[in-house]
Structures are given as structure tokens and as C-alpha cells.
Amino acid sequence: MSILLGIDVGTGSVRVGAIDPDGVTLATGKAGHPTRWPRPGWAEQDPTDWWTALRDALNQALAGLDRSQVIGIGVSTTSSTVVILDEGGRPLRDAIVWMDNRAADEAELTERTDHPVMRYSGGGAAVEWLVPKAMWLARHEPEVYRRAHRIVEAVDYLNWRLTGRWAATKLNATCKLHYDPIEGRFPAELYEELGVGDLPTKWPEAVLPVGACVGTLTESVAHDLDLPAGVLVAEGGIDAHMGMLGMNAVRPGDVGMVAGTSVVHITQSEGPVWHPGIWGPYPQALLEDRWLIEGGQVSAGSILAWLTRLTGTEDPGAHRDLAERAAQVPAGAKGLLVMDFWQGNRTPYRDARLRGAVLGLSLAHGASEIYRACVEALAYGTANVLAGFADGGIITRQIKLSGGIRHDPLWLQVTADVLQQPVELMEAENATLRAGAIAAAVATGREPELLTASDRLSSPTRTIEPRPELAEIYQDGLGRYRAAVEALREPLHDAADRAEHHEGDAVTSTSSDAAPNGEGSHGR
């Protein structure tokens, strides 16, 4: 029996799934790694921690299985989590994690450029992406930038660790680095305009599509991971975007949602869609004949985990208990309204300087009501993203869900209730792991191409039906949410600016998973 491995390097942990060529999950493993928050809005990780966690998760997944049967590996990671390396591949500093928003000024600068390729990303770069982060590095840590031989996406770094070959994934390059897949080039003149003209020299020259073969495990890595020589490593990419394959949400009208640490909403179209409330349209990013459209929320399950920590514990049992008590609070959270912008807004506002808020507090409210209001805010944020899709003419026929949301029944049900649309929850634990196996199946020749592999190896789903009796309450709540954003924009910007200039003590967390044992998502 052959074994395909999917590797998912998430915000708080590394997961490994062992999957057979018929799509049956044989086993999974998971190991955590820490995140540091040196300043408000910043987030950093040590790349060497990923490798340690990968080895531990791999050993869990393959315990009791015949390791000699492993034939292929597909890797997905958070994005843009940016790794800065010297010529020997050693980190020059901690990696800058996807959710880090220190490069807000640089992201705003990209929106003032006038280069044709920028139309593929909605006119500018998000604060989460590699290019603004590299611009920040060049401005604020110039010596580190100068010494950097590689400034790359986490997935490219891990594929290099596995194979010894530097190759950029076309998925990340198109969605995060402004690679032009139609012309097949990185636009050097754009990076010159942005003040980092030498940045492309710090990237891999090869750009490979998802499912292509990056290479085989090096002899030393095969020995270190106790895997057979000759195991192929498939090109992967952004965790949530890869999850589209695992959910089989790859045809026009399908919206795939990976809801974990953050929420990413992705759909594909047969032609370009131009609208300011989306990211994209990205040509040929995942599938050669499709345009990828993206929306999302930067903070989601991370808000719920944060709220649980405020009660004085990170125990998963405490999280479940708080969620269960919040489920007894009536819809509308007794008047509370939350702005879900702990780390800014991804879409439709595309505003890194928005911040979180809780409105309507009284002494009669407690943790249960606040948790309920946070869950409703996450659902309002999703409704707002999909409204932006609709404004651009994108018709949502089917919504498929994966991620840590599966471990929070309240969040799952409220999402369906606010949308007033059935949602399909993937039965398998992790869409991204399955997508890695799908990419590996194509790279090894077990499957002819990604679309048919997704049809055959993706997970079945179960349907969560909305409760129509709550439609009016949530329609009113969504209106209040949108009105509050407009009313509070300037005060929230001011709060962000004040926090940015306050250098508090660094905070370290061992996990940022969305829910107990949940699948994280950075997506961006």
C-alpha cells in the first residue's frame, strides 16, 4: 500500500496526514510551535521550530505504518510567513508571520503604484504579504535586508529543506509576490518603483505550479525523517488556497471557507472579476484555466482563543465550556456588538488599521455574552465578504467549510444562520492535509491532474442548515455591524496608531489554533 503525506504548517502547529491513493486517511499527527508578539500587531516565529514540530508530527502520523511505503509529500503553509536567510540557509532573524501588520505603511504605498500587474491583486498588496514585509525590512532593518540571500515564503523554505532545491510555488508567487503568470515573469520595474529593486534576486528563479515535482528528499533529510530515499516532494502553497482541492471547491460557484485562526474565502471564476472589495483576480494561480478570487478575515478563531485566555486558562475544556454557555445566550447577544478586527480587516474594507471593539457592555453582561457576540461578529464578517463577492458579480452556489470551526458548534451554526444558506462541512479533519496528498498524487503520477484528483480524493461533507426564524435578528445585526464600522473607523485607526508607538513586553504563545484540536488557517 502506497502512502501520500500531506504537511500543513499552521499558525500554532504542524500537522501531518498519511493518506492512501484512494483518499483514505490512515493516520494524522500534530505538534505545536510557539509564536512571539514583540509589539502590538507584530507576530514572529523561529523557522527551526517548524522543522522540530514537523519531525514530531511525522513520527506520530507514521507510528504503526510502514514508512517504506511513503512515495510522495505535499507541503502547505501559512502565507505570507516570510523567512529571511543567509547564504547557508540559516535564519538571520525570526520569520515574520502572516498575521503581522507592521508593514501597513508599505502596503499603502503599493496601492499608489501604477503597474498593470497590480490589477491582479485589486490594485495593491495586503499588509500580510511578502512584498510589503520585505519593504519594511529594507527600511527598518537594512543590514538584515542587505545580508539576506533569501527572503522567501515559508513553503519555499520547507521545500528547500526537504529537497535542497529552491523553487517558488506559482500559487504564492501569483497571490503574494505579484508574479505575472500570463507573461511568465516577476515585473522588475514594479519592485524598483517600490524601493526594493533587488528583491527578486532573493527569490528562487524557478516557479512551479501546484502538483509539480520539486525534487526528492535529500539523503540527509531522508535519514533524519526515517523515510525512504527517492520520496517525491510536490509543489504546494498557501494553506487555505490548497484547501480548495481538499474540499473539492474548485469550480465556478463554489466558495471554499477555511475557518480557523483566520477565515479565508476563496472561489474560482472562468474569467477575471474586477472589484475593490476582493483580493485578486489571480490568473492561473491554482488551476491553469481559472481565476482565483479571495476574501477573508484576519482574526477569527484566534479571537475566541484570546477571549478564553482572558478567563485565566488555555485549557481546551475551558474553551468548550465557555462556548457551550454562550450557546444558551439568545441570538443578538443581549444587544452586544463586536468588531472582529483584532489584527485589521482583510476584505471587504482592506484596512490593516481597523481594530477590535465591543459595543454595548453593561454590568449585566458576562463572558458568555461576549463570546456569543464575538461568534456573531465572525459570521457578520463572513457575510460581508460574500456580499463583496456578490457586488463583483460572483454568484455563490455552494459554500464548503473546513477548519477549526468544526470544533465550535455555535460558530458553525451561527455562520449558517447569518448567511441564511446551507453550508457543507467537510467530514475529514483537515482540507489542507488532504490537498497536500492530492498534490503528491499528481506529482507521483498516481493522478493525471489536480481537478480529477480533487474529484476523487476530496472529503465528503455534511450539511448544516440555517434556522429561518433567526433571519430577521441577524439581518438587523449585520446592518448594525456595517454601520458601526463606518462610525468607528477613525477612532479605531487612532487606537491602532497609538498601539503601534507603544513598545510593550513581548508575549509568547505556544499555540494559536482556532479551537481545541482545530485546523488553523492563515490563508493569506
Protein backbone atom coordinates (compact mmCIF):
# COMPACT_ATOMS: atom_id res chain seq x y z
CA MET A 1 0.00 0.00 0.00
CA SER A 2 1.42 3.38 -1.01
CA ILE A 3 1.27 6.35 1.38
CA LEU A 4 0.94 10.03 0.44
CA LEU A 5 1.86 12.60 3.09
CA GLY A 6 0.20 15.98 3.45
CA ILE A 7 2.05 18.51 5.63
CA ASP A 8 0.28 21.62 6.93
CA VAL A 9 2.40 24.18 8.77
CA GLY A 10 -0.21 26.27 10.54
CA THR A 11 -0.05 29.27 12.83
CA GLY A 12 0.23 27.27 16.03
CA SER A 13 1.18 23.76 14.97
CA VAL A 14 2.40 21.44 12.24
CA ARG A 15 0.06 18.67 11.13
CA VAL A 16 0.91 15.63 9.05
CA GLY A 17 -1.63 13.34 7.41
CA ALA A 18 -0.89 9.90 5.97
CA ILE A 19 -3.39 9.22 3.19
CA ASP A 20 -3.64 6.30 0.79
CA PRO A 21 -4.10 6.74 -3.01
CA ASP A 22 -7.87 6.17 -2.63
CA GLY A 23 -8.22 9.13 -0.27
CA VAL A 24 -8.50 7.16 2.99
CA THR A 25 -6.81 8.88 5.94
CA LEU A 26 -4.62 6.31 7.62
CA ALA A 27 -3.34 8.46 10.48
CA THR A 28 -2.51 12.03 11.47
CA GLY A 29 -0.03 13.73 13.76
CA LYS A 30 0.25 17.19 15.27
CA ALA A 31 2.95 19.11 17.14
CA GLY A 32 2.85 22.71 18.33
CA HIS A 33 5.31 25.55 17.84
CA PRO A 34 5.40 28.95 19.57
CA THR A 35 4.59 32.45 18.33
CA ARG A 36 6.02 35.66 19.76
CA TRP A 37 4.29 39.05 19.70
CA PRO A 38 7.17 41.53 20.28
CA ARG A 39 4.91 44.58 19.81
CA PRO A 40 1.20 45.17 19.25
CA GLY A 41 0.31 43.94 15.77
CA TRP A 42 3.59 42.04 15.30
CA ALA A 43 3.96 38.25 15.20
CA GLU A 44 7.16 36.22 14.77
CA GLN A 45 8.27 32.56 14.79
CA ASP A 46 11.58 30.70 14.71
CA PRO A 47 11.70 28.63 11.46
CA THR A 48 13.77 25.95 13.17
CA ASP A 49 10.77 25.29 15.43
CA TRP A 50 8.75 24.29 12.37
CA TRP A 51 11.24 21.57 11.49
CA THR A 52 11.23 20.18 15.02
CA ALA A 53 7.43 20.15 15.05
CA LEU A 54 7.31 18.60 11.56
CA ARG A 55 9.52 15.71 12.68
CA ASP A 56 7.40 15.12 15.79
CA ALA A 57 4.11 15.25 13.85
CA LEU A 58 5.50 12.96 11.17
CA ASN A 59 6.55 10.37 13.73
CA GLN A 60 3.05 10.45 15.24
CA ALA A 61 1.38 10.01 11.86
CA LEU A 62 3.61 7.14 10.76
CA ALA A 63 3.66 5.25 14.05
CA GLY A 64 2.42 1.76 13.22
CA LEU A 65 2.62 2.33 9.45
CA ASP A 66 5.23 1.01 7.02
CA ARG A 67 7.42 4.05 6.31
CA SER A 68 8.91 2.35 3.27
CA GLN A 69 5.56 2.80 1.51
CA VAL A 70 5.72 6.62 1.55
CA ILE A 71 6.00 7.79 -2.07
CA GLY A 72 5.16 11.49 -2.04
CA ILE A 73 4.86 14.60 0.13
CA GLY A 74 2.91 17.83 -0.40
CA VAL A 75 3.57 20.86 1.82
CA SER A 76 1.30 23.82 2.58
CA THR A 77 2.00 26.67 4.98
CA THR A 78 0.61 29.93 6.25
CA SER A 79 1.24 32.85 3.90
CA SER A 80 2.86 35.23 3.76
CA THR A 81 5.01 33.96 6.58
CA VAL A 82 8.36 35.38 5.50
CA VAL A 83 11.69 33.67 6.13
CA ILE A 84 14.96 35.65 5.96
CA LEU A 85 18.06 33.50 5.37
CA ASP A 86 21.80 33.85 4.82
CA GLU A 87 23.71 32.06 2.05
CA GLY A 88 23.83 28.87 4.09
CA GLY A 89 20.07 28.84 4.60
CA ARG A 90 20.31 29.91 8.25
CA PRO A 91 17.70 32.35 9.57
CA LEU A 92 19.02 35.88 10.06
CA ARG A 93 16.07 36.74 12.29
CA ASP A 94 12.74 35.23 13.30
CA ALA A 95 10.24 34.75 10.50
CA ILE A 96 7.58 37.45 10.15
CA VAL A 97 4.24 35.64 10.46
CA TRP A 98 1.37 36.16 8.04
CA MET A 99 -0.80 38.00 10.61
CA ASP A 100 1.93 40.53 11.41
CA ASN A 101 0.75 44.00 10.31
CA ARG A 102 3.88 46.10 10.90
CA ALA A 103 4.09 46.87 7.15
CA ALA A 104 0.85 48.87 6.96
CA ASP A 105 2.59 51.97 5.57
CA GLU A 106 4.38 49.88 2.95
CA ALA A 107 1.13 48.18 1.94
CA GLU A 108 -0.50 51.58 1.48
CA LEU A 109 2.43 52.61 -0.72
CA THR A 110 1.78 49.68 -3.06
CA GLU A 111 -1.73 50.99 -3.63
CA ARG A 112 -0.27 54.19 -5.04
CA THR A 113 1.72 52.38 -7.72
CA ASP A 114 0.51 52.26 -11.29
CA HIS A 115 1.71 48.98 -12.75
CA PRO A 116 -0.54 46.70 -14.84
CA VAL A 117 0.22 43.59 -12.75
CA MET A 118 -1.30 45.26 -9.67
CA ARG A 119 -4.76 44.87 -11.16
CA TYR A 120 -4.43 41.15 -10.43
CA SER A 121 -4.33 41.91 -6.70
CA GLY A 122 -7.08 44.50 -6.52
CA GLY A 123 -4.73 47.44 -7.03
CA GLY A 124 -2.31 46.89 -4.16
CA ALA A 125 -0.73 44.49 -1.70
CA ALA A 126 -2.16 43.45 1.65
CA VAL A 127 -0.17 44.17 4.79
CA GLU A 128 0.17 40.39 5.26
CA TRP A 129 2.05 39.80 2.00
CA LEU A 130 5.73 39.26 1.43
CA VAL A 131 6.48 42.37 -0.64
CA PRO A 132 5.32 44.96 1.98
CA LYS A 133 7.14 42.98 4.68
CA ALA A 134 10.32 42.98 2.61
CA MET A 135 9.89 46.74 2.06
CA TRP A 136 9.58 47.20 5.82
CA LEU A 137 12.69 45.10 6.38
CA ALA A 138 14.69 47.17 3.87
CA ARG A 139 13.56 50.38 5.61
CA HIS A 140 13.81 49.39 9.27
CA GLU A 141 16.43 46.59 9.34
CA PRO A 142 18.59 47.50 6.34
CA GLU A 143 21.60 45.44 7.40
CA VAL A 144 19.47 42.29 7.74
CA TYR A 145 17.91 43.01 4.35
CA ARG A 146 21.33 43.54 2.76
CA ARG A 147 22.72 40.30 4.20
CA ALA A 148 19.66 38.28 3.24
CA HIS A 149 20.43 35.79 0.48
CA ARG A 150 16.82 34.59 0.53
CA ILE A 151 13.61 36.35 1.56
CA VAL A 152 11.03 33.69 0.83
CA GLU A 153 7.68 32.17 1.67
CA ALA A 154 7.65 29.50 4.40
CA VAL A 155 6.54 26.81 1.92
CA ASP A 156 9.52 27.52 -0.35
CA TYR A 157 11.87 27.33 2.63
CA LEU A 158 10.50 23.96 3.76
CA ASN A 159 10.60 22.51 0.25
CA TRP A 160 14.25 23.57 0.10
CA ARG A 161 14.91 21.93 3.48
CA LEU A 162 13.36 18.72 2.13
CA THR A 163 14.92 18.60 -1.34
CA GLY A 164 17.84 21.02 -1.46
CA ARG A 165 16.21 22.78 -4.44
CA TRP A 166 14.97 26.37 -4.45
CA ALA A 167 11.67 26.70 -6.34
CA ALA A 168 8.84 29.16 -5.80
CA THR A 169 5.29 27.90 -5.90
CA LYS A 170 3.24 29.59 -8.60
CA LEU A 171 0.31 29.84 -6.17
CA ASN A 172 2.18 32.02 -3.67
CA ALA A 173 4.15 33.88 -6.32
CA THR A 174 0.96 34.96 -8.12
CA CYS A 175 -1.07 35.77 -5.00
CA LYS A 176 1.65 37.33 -2.82
CA LEU A 177 4.70 38.34 -4.89
CA HIS A 178 3.00 39.94 -7.93
CA TYR A 179 4.31 37.30 -10.31
CA ASP A 180 2.65 37.69 -13.71
CA PRO A 181 1.72 34.16 -14.84
CA ILE A 182 0.37 35.40 -18.17
CA GLU A 183 3.73 36.89 -19.13
CA GLY A 184 5.65 34.36 -17.02
CA ARG A 185 7.81 36.86 -15.13
CA PHE A 186 8.39 38.87 -11.99
CA PRO A 187 7.97 42.54 -13.02
CA ALA A 188 11.36 44.01 -12.06
CA GLU A 189 10.21 47.56 -12.77
CA LEU A 190 7.48 47.25 -10.10
CA TYR A 191 9.95 46.32 -7.35
CA GLU A 192 12.22 49.17 -8.44
CA GLU A 193 9.32 51.58 -8.02
CA LEU A 194 8.67 50.18 -4.54
CA GLY A 195 12.29 50.69 -3.50
CA VAL A 196 13.31 47.01 -3.38
CA GLY A 197 14.64 46.54 -6.89
CA ASP A 198 16.95 43.71 -5.82
CA LEU A 199 14.18 41.72 -4.09
CA PRO A 200 13.64 39.27 -7.00
CA THR A 201 17.31 38.26 -6.73
CA LYS A 202 16.48 36.95 -3.27
CA TRP A 203 13.74 34.64 -4.64
CA PRO A 204 14.05 31.29 -6.39
CA GLU A 205 14.35 31.58 -10.17
CA ALA A 206 12.15 28.53 -10.85
CA VAL A 207 8.38 28.98 -10.48
CA LEU A 208 6.42 25.70 -10.40
CA PRO A 209 2.65 25.05 -10.47
CA VAL A 210 0.90 23.18 -7.66
CA GLY A 211 1.35 19.46 -8.17
CA ALA A 212 4.68 19.73 -10.00
CA CYS A 213 7.65 17.78 -8.65
CA VAL A 214 10.07 19.98 -6.72
CA GLY A 215 12.53 17.13 -6.23
CA THR A 216 13.25 14.16 -3.99
CA LEU A 217 14.28 14.07 -0.35
CA THR A 218 17.98 14.65 0.17
CA GLU A 219 19.90 11.75 1.65
CA SER A 220 20.40 13.56 4.97
CA VAL A 221 16.73 14.53 5.28
CA ALA A 222 15.56 11.02 4.40
CA HIS A 223 17.80 9.73 7.19
CA ASP A 224 16.66 12.45 9.63
CA LEU A 225 12.96 11.77 8.98
CA ASP A 226 13.45 7.98 8.63
CA LEU A 227 11.88 7.96 5.17
CA PRO A 228 12.96 6.05 2.08
CA ALA A 229 15.27 7.61 -0.48
CA GLY A 230 13.54 8.83 -3.62
CA VAL A 231 10.36 10.17 -1.97
CA LEU A 232 8.99 12.90 -4.26
CA VAL A 233 8.12 16.35 -2.89
CA ALA A 234 5.22 18.04 -4.70
CA GLU A 235 4.80 21.77 -5.08
CA GLY A 236 2.18 23.05 -2.67
CA GLY A 237 1.36 26.52 -1.43
CA ILE A 238 -0.91 28.67 0.72
CA ASP A 239 -2.73 26.50 3.26
CA ALA A 240 -6.28 27.78 2.73
CA HIS A 241 -5.95 28.04 -1.04
CA MET A 242 -4.68 24.46 -1.17
CA GLY A 243 -7.66 23.51 0.98
CA MET A 244 -9.89 24.21 -2.02
CA LEU A 245 -8.57 20.98 -3.52
CA GLY A 246 -9.23 19.03 -0.32
CA MET A 247 -12.82 20.31 -0.19
CA ASN A 248 -13.37 19.93 -3.94
CA ALA A 249 -14.48 23.58 -4.05
CA VAL A 250 -12.74 24.29 -7.33
CA ARG A 251 -15.50 25.04 -9.82
CA PRO A 252 -17.18 28.39 -10.53
CA GLY A 253 -19.93 29.00 -7.96
CA ASP A 254 -18.14 27.02 -5.23
CA VAL A 255 -16.88 29.05 -2.26
CA GLY A 256 -14.41 27.30 -0.03
CA MET A 257 -14.03 28.63 3.52
CA VAL A 258 -11.17 27.56 5.75
CA ALA A 259 -12.21 28.88 9.14
CA GLY A 260 -9.62 28.55 11.86
CA THR A 261 -7.18 31.08 13.28
CA SER A 262 -8.40 33.33 10.47
CA VAL A 263 -11.05 32.78 7.80
CA VAL A 264 -10.23 32.63 4.12
CA HIS A 265 -12.99 32.69 1.50
CA ILE A 266 -11.95 31.55 -1.96
CA THR A 267 -13.73 30.93 -5.22
CA GLN A 268 -12.69 30.41 -8.83
CA SER A 269 -14.07 32.04 -11.96
CA GLU A 270 -13.69 31.36 -15.65
CA GLY A 271 -12.79 35.00 -16.29
CA PRO A 272 -11.45 38.00 -14.35
CA VAL A 273 -13.61 39.82 -11.78
CA TRP A 274 -12.58 43.39 -11.00
CA HIS A 275 -13.91 44.74 -7.71
CA PRO A 276 -12.27 46.72 -4.84
CA GLY A 277 -13.82 44.50 -2.14
CA ILE A 278 -11.85 41.38 -3.12
CA TRP A 279 -8.25 40.25 -3.46
CA GLY A 280 -7.47 39.17 -6.99
CA PRO A 281 -8.44 38.14 -9.56
CA TYR A 282 -5.32 35.97 -9.70
CA PRO A 283 -4.84 34.30 -13.10
CA GLN A 284 -3.76 30.65 -13.21
CA ALA A 285 -2.80 30.66 -9.53
CA LEU A 286 -4.19 27.25 -8.57
CA LEU A 287 -5.64 25.87 -11.81
CA GLU A 288 -4.37 26.87 -15.24
CA ASP A 289 -7.79 27.77 -16.70
CA ARG A 290 -9.26 29.59 -13.67
CA TRP A 291 -9.01 32.97 -11.97
CA LEU A 292 -8.81 32.79 -8.18
CA ILE A 293 -10.88 35.27 -6.11
CA GLU A 294 -10.11 35.74 -2.43
CA GLY A 295 -11.63 37.36 0.63
CA GLY A 296 -11.08 36.85 4.31
CA GLN A 297 -10.94 37.81 7.96
CA VAL A 298 -7.54 38.18 9.65
CA SER A 299 -8.76 37.32 13.15
CA ALA A 300 -11.36 34.63 13.76
CA GLY A 301 -10.79 31.57 15.95
CA SER A 302 -7.81 33.46 17.36
CA ILE A 303 -10.30 35.93 18.89
CA LEU A 304 -12.22 33.11 20.57
CA ALA A 305 -8.98 31.58 21.90
CA TRP A 306 -7.88 35.04 23.09
CA LEU A 307 -11.16 35.51 24.94
CA THR A 308 -10.78 32.14 26.63
CA ARG A 309 -7.27 33.07 27.77
CA LEU A 310 -8.69 36.17 29.43
CA THR A 311 -10.54 33.84 31.79
CA GLY A 312 -7.12 32.71 33.04
CA THR A 313 -6.62 29.42 31.22
CA GLU A 314 -5.74 27.93 27.84
CA ASP A 315 -7.30 24.58 28.77
CA PRO A 316 -9.37 23.23 25.84
CA GLY A 317 -12.03 22.17 28.30
CA ALA A 318 -12.48 25.77 29.42
CA HIS A 319 -12.90 26.84 25.79
CA ARG A 320 -15.59 24.23 25.20
CA ASP A 321 -17.36 25.15 28.43
CA LEU A 322 -17.43 28.85 27.52
CA ALA A 323 -18.72 28.06 24.01
CA GLU A 324 -21.46 25.83 25.43
CA ARG A 325 -22.58 28.54 27.85
CA ALA A 326 -22.54 31.10 25.03
CA ALA A 327 -24.83 28.82 23.02
CA GLN A 328 -27.50 29.38 25.70
CA VAL A 329 -27.38 33.17 25.18
CA PRO A 330 -30.17 34.35 22.83
CA ALA A 331 -29.35 35.37 19.26
CA GLY A 332 -28.29 39.00 19.26
CA ALA A 333 -26.06 38.54 22.34
CA LYS A 334 -28.33 40.70 24.51
CA GLY A 335 -27.50 43.80 22.50
CA LEU A 336 -23.72 43.40 22.35
CA LEU A 337 -21.96 44.08 19.06
CA VAL A 338 -18.32 43.23 18.29
CA MET A 339 -15.96 44.49 15.61
CA ASP A 340 -13.80 41.47 14.66
CA PHE A 341 -10.69 43.43 13.63
CA TRP A 342 -8.14 42.39 16.27
CA GLN A 343 -5.43 42.38 13.53
CA GLY A 344 -7.13 44.61 10.95
CA ASN A 345 -9.52 43.80 8.12
CA ARG A 346 -8.67 41.77 5.06
CA THR A 347 -11.84 42.28 2.96
CA PRO A 348 -14.08 43.98 2.01
CA TYR A 349 -12.58 47.06 3.75
CA ARG A 350 -8.94 46.12 3.09
CA ASP A 351 -7.88 48.16 6.09
CA ALA A 352 -4.96 46.96 8.23
CA ARG A 353 -5.54 49.75 10.75
CA LEU A 354 -9.03 48.76 11.85
CA ARG A 355 -9.11 47.28 15.36
CA GLY A 356 -11.44 45.25 17.53
CA ALA A 357 -14.20 46.71 19.66
CA VAL A 358 -17.01 45.53 21.92
CA LEU A 359 -20.05 47.82 21.95
CA GLY A 360 -22.94 47.96 24.41
CA LEU A 361 -21.31 46.50 27.51
CA SER A 362 -23.08 46.73 30.83
CA LEU A 363 -22.56 45.11 34.23
CA ALA A 364 -25.27 42.62 33.26
CA HIS A 365 -23.06 41.15 30.54
CA GLY A 366 -20.53 38.40 31.19
CA ALA A 367 -18.07 36.21 29.35
CA SER A 368 -20.84 34.12 27.77
CA GLU A 369 -22.50 37.13 26.16
CA ILE A 370 -19.16 38.49 24.92
CA TYR A 371 -18.25 35.11 23.42
CA ARG A 372 -21.63 34.94 21.70
CA ALA A 373 -21.19 38.45 20.32
CA CYS A 374 -17.70 37.54 19.03
CA VAL A 375 -19.09 34.49 17.23
CA GLU A 376 -21.83 36.61 15.66
CA ALA A 377 -19.23 39.18 14.58
CA LEU A 378 -17.25 36.45 12.82
CA ALA A 379 -20.39 35.40 10.96
CA TYR A 380 -21.20 39.03 10.06
CA GLY A 381 -17.66 39.37 8.73
CA THR A 382 -18.17 36.33 6.51
CA ALA A 383 -21.49 37.71 5.26
CA ASN A 384 -19.74 40.99 4.49
CA VAL A 385 -17.02 39.21 2.49
CA LEU A 386 -19.57 37.27 0.44
CA ALA A 387 -21.54 40.47 -0.15
CA GLY A 388 -18.36 41.89 -1.68
CA PHE A 389 -18.18 38.85 -3.94
CA ALA A 390 -21.79 39.40 -4.98
CA ASP A 391 -21.13 43.09 -5.70
CA GLY A 392 -18.49 41.90 -8.15
CA GLY A 393 -20.99 39.63 -9.88
CA ILE A 394 -19.81 36.38 -8.28
CA ILE A 395 -22.72 34.01 -7.72
CA THR A 396 -22.27 31.72 -4.70
CA ARG A 397 -23.99 28.42 -5.41
CA GLN A 398 -22.37 26.29 -2.73
CA ILE A 399 -20.36 27.01 0.44
CA LYS A 400 -17.94 24.38 1.72
CA LEU A 401 -16.33 24.68 5.14
CA SER A 402 -13.22 23.26 6.76
CA GLY A 403 -11.03 24.16 9.71
CA GLY A 404 -11.22 24.65 13.45
CA ILE A 405 -14.81 25.91 13.12
CA ARG A 406 -15.84 22.26 13.15
CA HIS A 407 -14.92 22.11 16.87
CA ASP A 408 -17.15 25.07 17.78
CA PRO A 409 -20.78 24.09 17.06
CA LEU A 410 -22.01 27.60 17.94
CA TRP A 411 -19.71 29.31 15.43
CA LEU A 412 -20.64 26.74 12.79
CA GLN A 413 -24.40 27.11 13.26
CA VAL A 414 -24.38 30.90 13.59
CA THR A 415 -22.45 31.13 10.31
CA ALA A 416 -25.23 29.24 8.52
CA ASP A 417 -27.89 31.31 10.34
CA VAL A 418 -26.37 34.67 9.41
CA LEU A 419 -25.82 33.64 5.80
CA GLN A 420 -29.28 32.02 5.67
CA GLN A 421 -27.75 29.44 3.36
CA PRO A 422 -26.85 25.79 3.90
CA VAL A 423 -23.14 25.19 4.38
CA GLU A 424 -21.33 21.95 3.66
CA LEU A 425 -18.87 20.92 6.39
CA MET A 426 -16.04 18.69 5.24
CA GLU A 427 -16.12 15.42 7.16
CA ALA A 428 -12.34 14.97 7.11
CA GLU A 429 -10.43 16.81 9.82
CA ASN A 430 -8.18 18.94 7.63
CA ALA A 431 -8.68 20.04 4.00
CA THR A 432 -5.11 21.26 3.68
CA LEU A 433 -3.61 17.88 4.60
CA ARG A 434 -5.79 16.21 2.01
CA ALA A 435 -4.77 18.82 -0.55
CA GLY A 436 -1.11 18.05 0.11
CA ALA A 437 -1.81 14.40 -0.62
CA ILE A 438 -3.67 15.40 -3.80
CA ALA A 439 -0.67 17.44 -4.98
CA ALA A 440 1.61 14.49 -4.15
CA ALA A 441 -0.67 12.11 -6.07
CA VAL A 442 -0.28 14.29 -9.18
CA ALA A 443 3.49 14.71 -8.74
CA THR A 444 3.98 10.94 -8.44
CA GLY A 445 1.77 10.24 -11.46
CA ARG A 446 -0.94 8.48 -9.42
CA GLU A 447 -3.42 11.10 -10.66
CA PRO A 448 -3.34 12.85 -14.07
CA GLU A 449 -4.13 16.41 -12.91
CA LEU A 450 -5.42 18.42 -9.95
CA LEU A 451 -9.09 18.72 -10.92
CA THR A 452 -9.73 15.00 -11.33
CA ALA A 453 -7.58 14.26 -8.27
CA SER A 454 -9.74 16.64 -6.23
CA ASP A 455 -12.89 14.94 -7.51
CA ARG A 456 -11.61 11.54 -6.45
CA LEU A 457 -9.67 12.21 -3.26
CA SER A 458 -11.55 15.11 -1.62
CA SER A 459 -13.57 14.59 1.53
CA PRO A 460 -17.35 14.06 1.68
CA THR A 461 -19.39 16.69 3.53
CA ARG A 462 -22.41 17.03 5.79
CA THR A 463 -24.94 19.86 5.58
CA ILE A 464 -25.56 22.49 8.26
CA GLU A 465 -28.99 24.03 7.67
CA PRO A 466 -29.80 27.64 8.63
CA ARG A 467 -32.62 28.45 11.06
CA PRO A 468 -35.01 30.78 9.18
CA GLU A 469 -36.62 32.03 12.40
CA LEU A 470 -33.38 33.91 13.17
CA ALA A 471 -33.06 35.61 9.79
CA GLU A 472 -34.56 38.94 10.89
CA ILE A 473 -32.41 39.18 14.04
CA TYR A 474 -29.21 38.59 12.10
CA GLN A 475 -30.16 40.82 9.20
CA ASP A 476 -30.57 43.62 11.72
CA GLY A 477 -27.28 42.68 13.39
CA LEU A 478 -25.41 42.75 10.07
CA GLY A 479 -26.79 46.25 9.41
CA ARG A 480 -25.60 47.42 12.83
CA TYR A 481 -22.18 45.85 12.19
CA ARG A 482 -21.73 47.72 8.91
CA ALA A 483 -22.93 51.00 10.39
CA ALA A 484 -20.55 50.64 13.34
CA VAL A 485 -17.57 50.15 11.02
CA GLU A 486 -18.29 53.46 9.29
CA ALA A 487 -18.92 55.29 12.56
CA LEU A 488 -15.82 53.93 14.33
CA ARG A 489 -13.27 53.90 11.52
CA GLU A 490 -11.34 56.97 12.67
CA PRO A 491 -11.29 56.13 16.41
CA LEU A 492 -10.11 52.59 15.57
CA HIS A 493 -7.38 53.98 13.32
CA ASP A 494 -6.29 56.25 16.16
CA ALA A 495 -6.16 53.30 18.56
CA ALA A 496 -4.02 51.34 16.10
CA ASP A 497 -1.62 54.25 15.69
CA ARG A 498 -1.25 54.70 19.44
CA ALA A 499 -0.63 50.97 19.97
CA GLU A 500 1.99 50.93 17.21
CA HIS A 501 4.05 53.53 19.04
CA HIS A 502 3.91 51.68 22.35
CA GLU A 503 6.64 49.05 22.66
CA GLY A 504 5.32 46.71 25.30
CA ASP A 505 6.90 43.49 26.54
CA ALA A 506 6.99 40.64 24.06
CA VAL A 507 4.37 37.93 24.54
CA THR A 508 4.88 34.29 23.59
CA SER A 509 2.12 31.77 23.00
CA THR A 510 2.57 28.08 22.33
CA SER A 511 -0.47 27.84 20.08
CA SER A 512 -2.87 29.93 18.02
CA ASP A 513 -5.24 27.18 16.98
CA ALA A 514 -8.79 28.27 16.40
CA ALA A 515 -10.37 25.71 18.68
CA PRO A 516 -9.27 22.70 20.68
CA ASN A 517 -7.52 20.36 18.20
CA GLY A 518 -8.74 22.62 15.41
CA GLU A 519 -7.27 23.24 11.99
CA GLY A 520 -5.74 26.69 11.89
CA SER A 521 -5.87 28.90 8.83
CA HIS A 522 -3.88 31.84 7.94
CA GLY A 523 -4.85 31.70 4.38
CA ARG A 524 -3.28 34.92 3.47
